[in-house]
């Protein structure tokens, strides 16, 4: 019988880098860190609610951002579970924001010494209903591209290229009414609006390098659609991690943000939404300390 602190490993065999760390090897690495994990595979995300209801203590997620979302949405407000991320996804936006990156087996071993930190979520109320996000929510060109790409159909470079060709040539910036913490925040027509909880979203779009998902705030990022920087400047800034400093980019912290609903597509993490009855507002506010997460406390 394995000895160590009881824990659970939720493993997504479909994650982008799962071949680098099979579940038995991850269990062995977690055992080196002092845990005795039981393995549950997330083959059917719709079954997670029932599985998680019975769990307590450390739950390690062997997967990517989608695995985190599928799991965390059932754990909001629970203080008896702590989530530890083992980055097996393609982008790993949440893991990277938490400073958890590298070889997943080595990451598992680093959990011998941990910190327990709060992790905020974002709550969304709109005409389509209520939602929660862990990375970002927004509208504009990224949401339109994501909607055209439709990630629910699986990953496809060909479909991604088609989405780019369909959306970019005819995309028009929108003038939106925005408030931040109850105060009007007027701005120019926007190419992109993102309310960020993590530093990056999507396929590694580093839009808010100063975001901290445990500070009780969200970060509003707006890209001026009338005076856009060149695509080269955008790309270079994303690589450098200072996208928010470009002259066409406006960044504001806030706890509650509203955006006028003109029928545009919104994204909620990697899913998309569109109101059946435009004309109201999309109300976005932070849910402070919605989750508890583990991060490795490196020796040194």
Protein backbone atom coordinates (compact mmCIF):
# COMPACT_ATOMS: atom_id res chain seq x y z
CA UNK A 1 0.00 0.00 0.00
CA UNK A 2 1.33 3.47 -0.88
CA UNK A 3 2.21 5.71 2.05
CA UNK A 4 1.95 9.46 2.13
CA UNK A 5 -0.67 12.16 2.30
CA UNK A 6 -3.90 11.05 0.59
CA UNK A 7 -4.50 12.92 -2.67
CA UNK A 8 -6.27 12.56 -6.00
CA UNK A 9 -4.83 12.78 -9.50
CA UNK A 10 -7.40 13.80 -12.11
CA UNK A 11 -5.80 12.84 -15.38
CA UNK A 12 -6.83 13.95 -18.87
CA UNK A 13 -5.39 11.49 -21.37
CA UNK A 14 -6.49 13.78 -24.24
CA UNK A 15 -4.40 16.74 -23.04
CA UNK A 16 -1.82 18.06 -25.48
CA UNK A 17 1.27 16.79 -23.64
CA UNK A 18 -0.18 13.76 -21.85
CA UNK A 19 2.28 11.45 -23.62
CA UNK A 20 5.11 13.11 -21.68
CA UNK A 21 3.71 12.00 -18.33
CA UNK A 22 1.55 8.86 -18.13
CA UNK A 23 -0.55 8.61 -14.96
CA UNK A 24 1.61 5.90 -13.35
CA UNK A 25 4.72 8.07 -13.75
CA UNK A 26 2.92 11.11 -12.34
CA UNK A 27 1.78 9.04 -9.36
CA UNK A 28 5.37 7.94 -8.76
CA UNK A 29 6.57 11.55 -8.93
CA UNK A 30 3.83 12.69 -6.52
CA UNK A 31 4.81 9.84 -4.20
CA UNK A 32 8.33 11.26 -4.15
CA UNK A 33 6.74 14.53 -3.04
CA UNK A 34 5.02 12.77 -0.14
CA UNK A 35 1.55 12.06 -1.57
CA UNK A 36 -0.37 8.82 -2.07
CA UNK A 37 -2.62 9.65 -5.02
CA UNK A 38 -5.56 7.73 -6.37
CA UNK A 39 -6.08 8.19 -10.11
CA UNK A 40 -9.33 9.29 -11.72
CA UNK A 41 -9.35 9.81 -15.49
CA UNK A 42 -11.44 12.68 -16.86
CA UNK A 43 -12.63 10.81 -19.92
CA UNK A 44 -16.16 12.07 -19.34
CA UNK A 45 -16.18 15.64 -17.94
CA UNK A 46 -19.93 15.43 -17.35
CA UNK A 47 -19.21 12.90 -14.56
CA UNK A 48 -16.83 15.20 -12.70
CA UNK A 49 -19.48 16.83 -10.50
CA UNK A 50 -20.38 13.52 -8.90
CA UNK A 51 -16.76 12.44 -8.49
CA UNK A 52 -15.64 15.72 -6.96
CA UNK A 53 -18.51 15.74 -4.48
CA UNK A 54 -16.85 12.85 -2.65
CA UNK A 55 -13.31 14.26 -2.61
CA UNK A 56 -11.40 16.36 -0.10
CA UNK A 57 -7.78 17.42 0.25
CA UNK A 58 -5.24 17.90 -2.55
CA UNK A 59 -6.49 17.28 -6.08
CA UNK A 60 -3.80 17.35 -8.76
CA UNK A 61 -4.91 18.14 -12.30
CA UNK A 62 -2.97 16.36 -15.03
CA UNK A 63 -4.17 18.38 -18.00
CA UNK A 64 -4.41 21.89 -19.40
CA UNK A 65 -6.63 24.93 -19.03
CA UNK A 66 -9.71 23.04 -20.19
CA UNK A 67 -9.19 20.41 -17.49
CA UNK A 68 -8.84 23.17 -14.90
CA UNK A 69 -12.10 24.80 -16.04
CA UNK A 70 -14.03 21.52 -16.21
CA UNK A 71 -12.93 20.72 -12.65
CA UNK A 72 -12.89 24.12 -10.96
CA UNK A 73 -16.42 25.08 -11.98
CA UNK A 74 -17.65 22.33 -9.59
CA UNK A 75 -15.44 23.48 -6.70
CA UNK A 76 -16.32 27.15 -6.36
CA UNK A 77 -16.45 28.19 -2.73
CA UNK A 78 -15.10 24.89 -1.40
CA UNK A 79 -12.25 25.31 1.05
CA UNK A 80 -11.73 21.59 1.71
CA UNK A 81 -10.08 20.98 -1.70
CA UNK A 82 -6.80 22.43 -2.93
CA UNK A 83 -6.00 22.22 -6.65
CA UNK A 84 -2.48 21.53 -7.84
CA UNK A 85 -1.75 21.96 -11.54
CA UNK A 86 0.42 19.52 -13.50
CA UNK A 87 0.79 21.24 -16.90
CA UNK A 88 -0.08 18.79 -19.68
CA UNK A 89 -2.00 21.17 -21.95
CA UNK A 90 -1.06 23.13 -25.03
CA UNK A 91 -1.07 26.67 -23.60
CA UNK A 92 -1.18 26.11 -19.82
CA UNK A 93 -2.21 29.72 -19.19
CA UNK A 94 -3.33 29.06 -15.62
CA UNK A 95 -0.25 27.05 -14.71
CA UNK A 96 2.10 29.68 -16.13
CA UNK A 97 0.31 32.47 -14.27
CA UNK A 98 0.86 30.48 -11.07
CA UNK A 99 4.55 30.04 -11.93
CA UNK A 100 4.10 26.30 -12.51
CA UNK A 101 5.83 25.25 -15.72
CA UNK A 102 8.40 22.83 -17.02
CA UNK A 103 8.55 19.06 -17.25
CA UNK A 104 5.32 17.80 -15.61
CA UNK A 105 7.09 14.98 -13.75
CA UNK A 106 9.58 17.42 -12.29
CA UNK A 107 6.72 19.77 -11.41
CA UNK A 108 5.02 16.91 -9.53
CA UNK A 109 8.18 16.29 -7.49
CA UNK A 110 8.34 20.00 -6.60
CA UNK A 111 5.04 19.73 -4.69
CA UNK A 112 6.94 18.33 -1.68
CA UNK A 113 6.80 21.84 -0.22
CA UNK A 114 3.74 23.89 -1.11
CA UNK A 115 1.90 27.11 -0.52
CA UNK A 116 -1.89 27.29 -0.42
CA UNK A 117 -3.08 30.40 -2.26
CA UNK A 118 -6.48 31.93 -3.06
CA UNK A 119 -7.53 31.87 -6.70
CA UNK A 120 -10.19 34.28 -7.93
CA UNK A 121 -12.83 33.59 -10.56
CA UNK A 122 -14.93 35.89 -12.71
CA UNK A 123 -18.74 35.84 -12.58
CA UNK A 124 -20.74 36.83 -15.65
CA UNK A 125 -24.42 37.73 -15.86
CA UNK A 126 -25.91 38.42 -19.29
CA UNK A 127 -29.00 37.78 -21.38
CA UNK A 128 -27.68 34.29 -22.19
CA UNK A 129 -27.54 33.39 -18.47
CA UNK A 130 -24.84 33.13 -15.80
CA UNK A 131 -21.26 32.01 -16.37
CA UNK A 132 -17.96 31.74 -14.57
CA UNK A 133 -14.44 32.08 -15.95
CA UNK A 134 -10.95 31.45 -14.65
CA UNK A 135 -8.79 32.97 -17.42
CA UNK A 136 -10.70 35.68 -19.27
CA UNK A 137 -13.97 36.94 -20.69
CA UNK A 138 -14.32 39.44 -23.50
CA UNK A 139 -15.39 40.41 -26.98
CA UNK A 140 -13.84 41.69 -30.19
CA UNK A 141 -11.62 40.03 -32.71
CA UNK A 142 -10.41 37.19 -30.47
CA UNK A 143 -13.97 36.20 -29.49
CA UNK A 144 -15.09 36.34 -33.13
CA UNK A 145 -12.16 34.16 -34.23
CA UNK A 146 -12.80 31.69 -31.44
CA UNK A 147 -16.48 31.51 -32.37
CA UNK A 148 -15.66 30.87 -36.03
CA UNK A 149 -13.03 28.29 -35.09
CA UNK A 150 -15.37 26.47 -32.65
CA UNK A 151 -12.94 24.65 -30.32
CA UNK A 152 -15.70 22.20 -29.37
CA UNK A 153 -14.95 20.49 -32.69
CA UNK A 154 -11.38 19.73 -31.57
CA UNK A 155 -8.07 21.26 -32.57
CA UNK A 156 -7.43 21.84 -36.28
CA UNK A 157 -4.81 24.14 -37.89
CA UNK A 158 -6.84 24.10 -41.11
CA UNK A 159 -10.00 25.25 -39.35
CA UNK A 160 -8.00 27.92 -37.51
CA UNK A 161 -6.69 29.29 -40.81
CA UNK A 162 -10.20 29.32 -42.27
CA UNK A 163 -11.45 31.27 -39.23
CA UNK A 164 -8.72 33.87 -39.75
CA UNK A 165 -9.58 34.25 -43.44
CA UNK A 166 -13.31 34.48 -42.71
CA UNK A 167 -13.16 36.99 -39.84
CA UNK A 168 -10.17 39.33 -40.21
CA UNK A 169 -10.89 40.93 -43.62
CA UNK A 170 -14.34 42.17 -42.61
CA UNK A 171 -13.84 42.78 -38.90
CA UNK A 172 -15.10 46.17 -37.69
CA UNK A 173 -14.14 47.78 -34.38
CA UNK A 174 -17.08 48.47 -32.04
CA UNK A 175 -17.91 51.45 -29.85
CA UNK A 176 -18.97 49.98 -26.50
CA UNK A 177 -20.25 51.47 -23.28
CA UNK A 178 -18.04 50.28 -20.45
CA UNK A 179 -18.06 50.91 -16.71
CA UNK A 180 -15.41 49.99 -14.16
CA UNK A 181 -16.50 49.77 -10.51
CA UNK A 182 -19.59 51.83 -11.27
CA UNK A 183 -17.79 54.64 -13.11
CA UNK A 184 -18.05 55.24 -16.89
CA UNK A 185 -14.87 54.29 -18.75
CA UNK A 186 -15.33 55.77 -22.22
CA UNK A 187 -12.98 54.78 -24.99
CA UNK A 188 -12.51 54.59 -28.76
CA UNK A 189 -13.94 51.87 -31.00
CA UNK A 190 -12.38 48.63 -29.85
CA UNK A 191 -10.68 45.85 -31.74
CA UNK A 192 -10.52 43.78 -28.58
CA UNK A 193 -11.87 43.90 -25.03
CA UNK A 194 -10.67 41.33 -22.50
CA UNK A 195 -11.39 41.08 -18.79
CA UNK A 196 -8.42 39.08 -17.55
CA UNK A 197 -8.01 37.01 -14.41
CA UNK A 198 -4.81 35.29 -15.56
CA UNK A 199 -1.89 36.80 -17.45
CA UNK A 200 -2.71 35.04 -20.72
CA UNK A 201 -5.61 33.35 -22.46
CA UNK A 202 -6.28 31.46 -25.66
CA UNK A 203 -3.22 30.03 -27.35
CA UNK A 204 -0.80 31.86 -25.07
CA UNK A 205 -1.99 35.43 -25.68
CA UNK A 206 -0.11 37.34 -22.97
CA UNK A 207 -2.49 40.27 -22.69
CA UNK A 208 -2.14 41.12 -18.98
CA UNK A 209 1.36 40.29 -17.70
CA UNK A 210 0.68 42.03 -14.39
CA UNK A 211 -2.52 40.08 -13.62
CA UNK A 212 -2.64 38.24 -10.28
CA UNK A 213 -5.56 35.80 -9.88
CA UNK A 214 -5.34 36.04 -6.11
CA UNK A 215 -5.53 39.82 -5.63
CA UNK A 216 -9.31 40.24 -5.67
CA UNK A 217 -9.22 42.27 -8.92
CA UNK A 218 -9.75 41.71 -12.63
CA UNK A 219 -7.78 43.46 -15.38
CA UNK A 220 -9.62 45.21 -18.20
CA UNK A 221 -7.60 45.25 -21.43
CA UNK A 222 -8.87 47.32 -24.39
CA UNK A 223 -7.27 47.62 -27.81
CA UNK A 224 -8.02 50.80 -29.77
CA UNK A 225 -9.56 49.75 -33.09
CA UNK A 226 -9.08 53.15 -34.71
CA UNK A 227 -5.35 53.55 -34.09
CA UNK A 228 -4.00 50.03 -34.07
CA UNK A 229 -0.32 49.22 -33.77
CA UNK A 230 1.13 47.04 -36.51
CA UNK A 231 0.71 43.29 -36.32
CA UNK A 232 4.50 43.08 -35.93
CA UNK A 233 4.37 45.38 -32.89
CA UNK A 234 1.56 43.33 -31.36
CA UNK A 235 3.46 40.09 -31.89
CA UNK A 236 6.70 41.46 -30.47
CA UNK A 237 4.91 42.88 -27.42
CA UNK A 238 3.16 39.57 -26.75
CA UNK A 239 6.52 37.79 -26.85
CA UNK A 240 8.15 40.37 -24.57
CA UNK A 241 5.25 40.30 -22.13
CA UNK A 242 4.57 44.05 -22.29
CA UNK A 243 1.50 44.10 -24.56
CA UNK A 244 -0.30 46.35 -22.06
CA UNK A 245 2.29 49.14 -22.62
CA UNK A 246 1.52 49.66 -26.33
CA UNK A 247 0.02 53.06 -27.16
CA UNK A 248 -3.15 51.48 -28.55
CA UNK A 249 -3.71 49.33 -25.45
CA UNK A 250 -5.52 50.56 -22.33
CA UNK A 251 -5.29 48.56 -19.08
CA UNK A 252 -7.41 49.16 -15.97
CA UNK A 253 -7.91 47.12 -12.79
CA UNK A 254 -11.42 46.66 -11.43
CA UNK A 255 -13.69 44.48 -9.35
CA UNK A 256 -16.81 44.92 -11.48
CA UNK A 257 -16.95 45.71 -15.18
CA UNK A 258 -19.98 46.11 -17.41
CA UNK A 259 -19.98 46.06 -21.21
CA UNK A 260 -22.88 47.02 -23.46
CA UNK A 261 -24.41 44.05 -25.23
CA UNK A 262 -24.86 44.89 -28.91
CA UNK A 263 -25.24 41.30 -30.00
CA UNK A 264 -21.49 40.75 -30.36
CA UNK A 265 -19.87 37.41 -29.58
CA UNK A 266 -18.28 37.05 -26.15
CA UNK A 267 -15.84 34.40 -25.04
CA UNK A 268 -15.91 32.92 -21.55
CA UNK A 269 -12.52 31.20 -21.29
CA UNK A 270 -12.46 29.00 -24.43
CA UNK A 271 -16.24 28.88 -24.89
CA UNK A 272 -18.30 31.48 -26.77
CA UNK A 273 -21.66 33.09 -26.00
CA UNK A 274 -24.06 35.40 -27.82
CA UNK A 275 -27.15 37.03 -26.36
CA UNK A 276 -30.53 35.99 -27.76
CA UNK A 277 -31.81 39.48 -26.86
CA UNK A 278 -29.12 42.19 -27.19
CA UNK A 279 -29.60 45.62 -25.70
CA UNK A 280 -28.63 45.10 -22.07
CA UNK A 281 -25.24 44.76 -20.47
CA UNK A 282 -22.81 41.97 -19.75
CA UNK A 283 -22.03 42.27 -16.04
CA UNK A 284 -18.63 40.87 -15.02
CA UNK A 285 -17.35 40.86 -11.46
CA UNK A 286 -14.62 39.18 -9.51
CA UNK A 287 -15.34 36.29 -7.16
CA UNK A 288 -12.48 36.70 -4.69
CA UNK A 289 -10.81 33.51 -3.41
CA UNK A 290 -13.31 31.30 -5.22
CA UNK A 291 -10.82 28.43 -5.14
CA UNK A 292 -7.76 27.31 -3.21
CA UNK A 293 -4.70 26.28 -5.20
CA UNK A 294 -1.36 24.69 -4.40
CA UNK A 295 1.89 26.00 -5.81
CA UNK A 296 5.32 24.47 -5.28
CA UNK A 297 7.48 26.26 -2.74
CA UNK A 298 10.92 25.66 -4.17
CA UNK A 299 13.76 25.03 -1.80
CA UNK A 300 16.66 27.38 -1.94
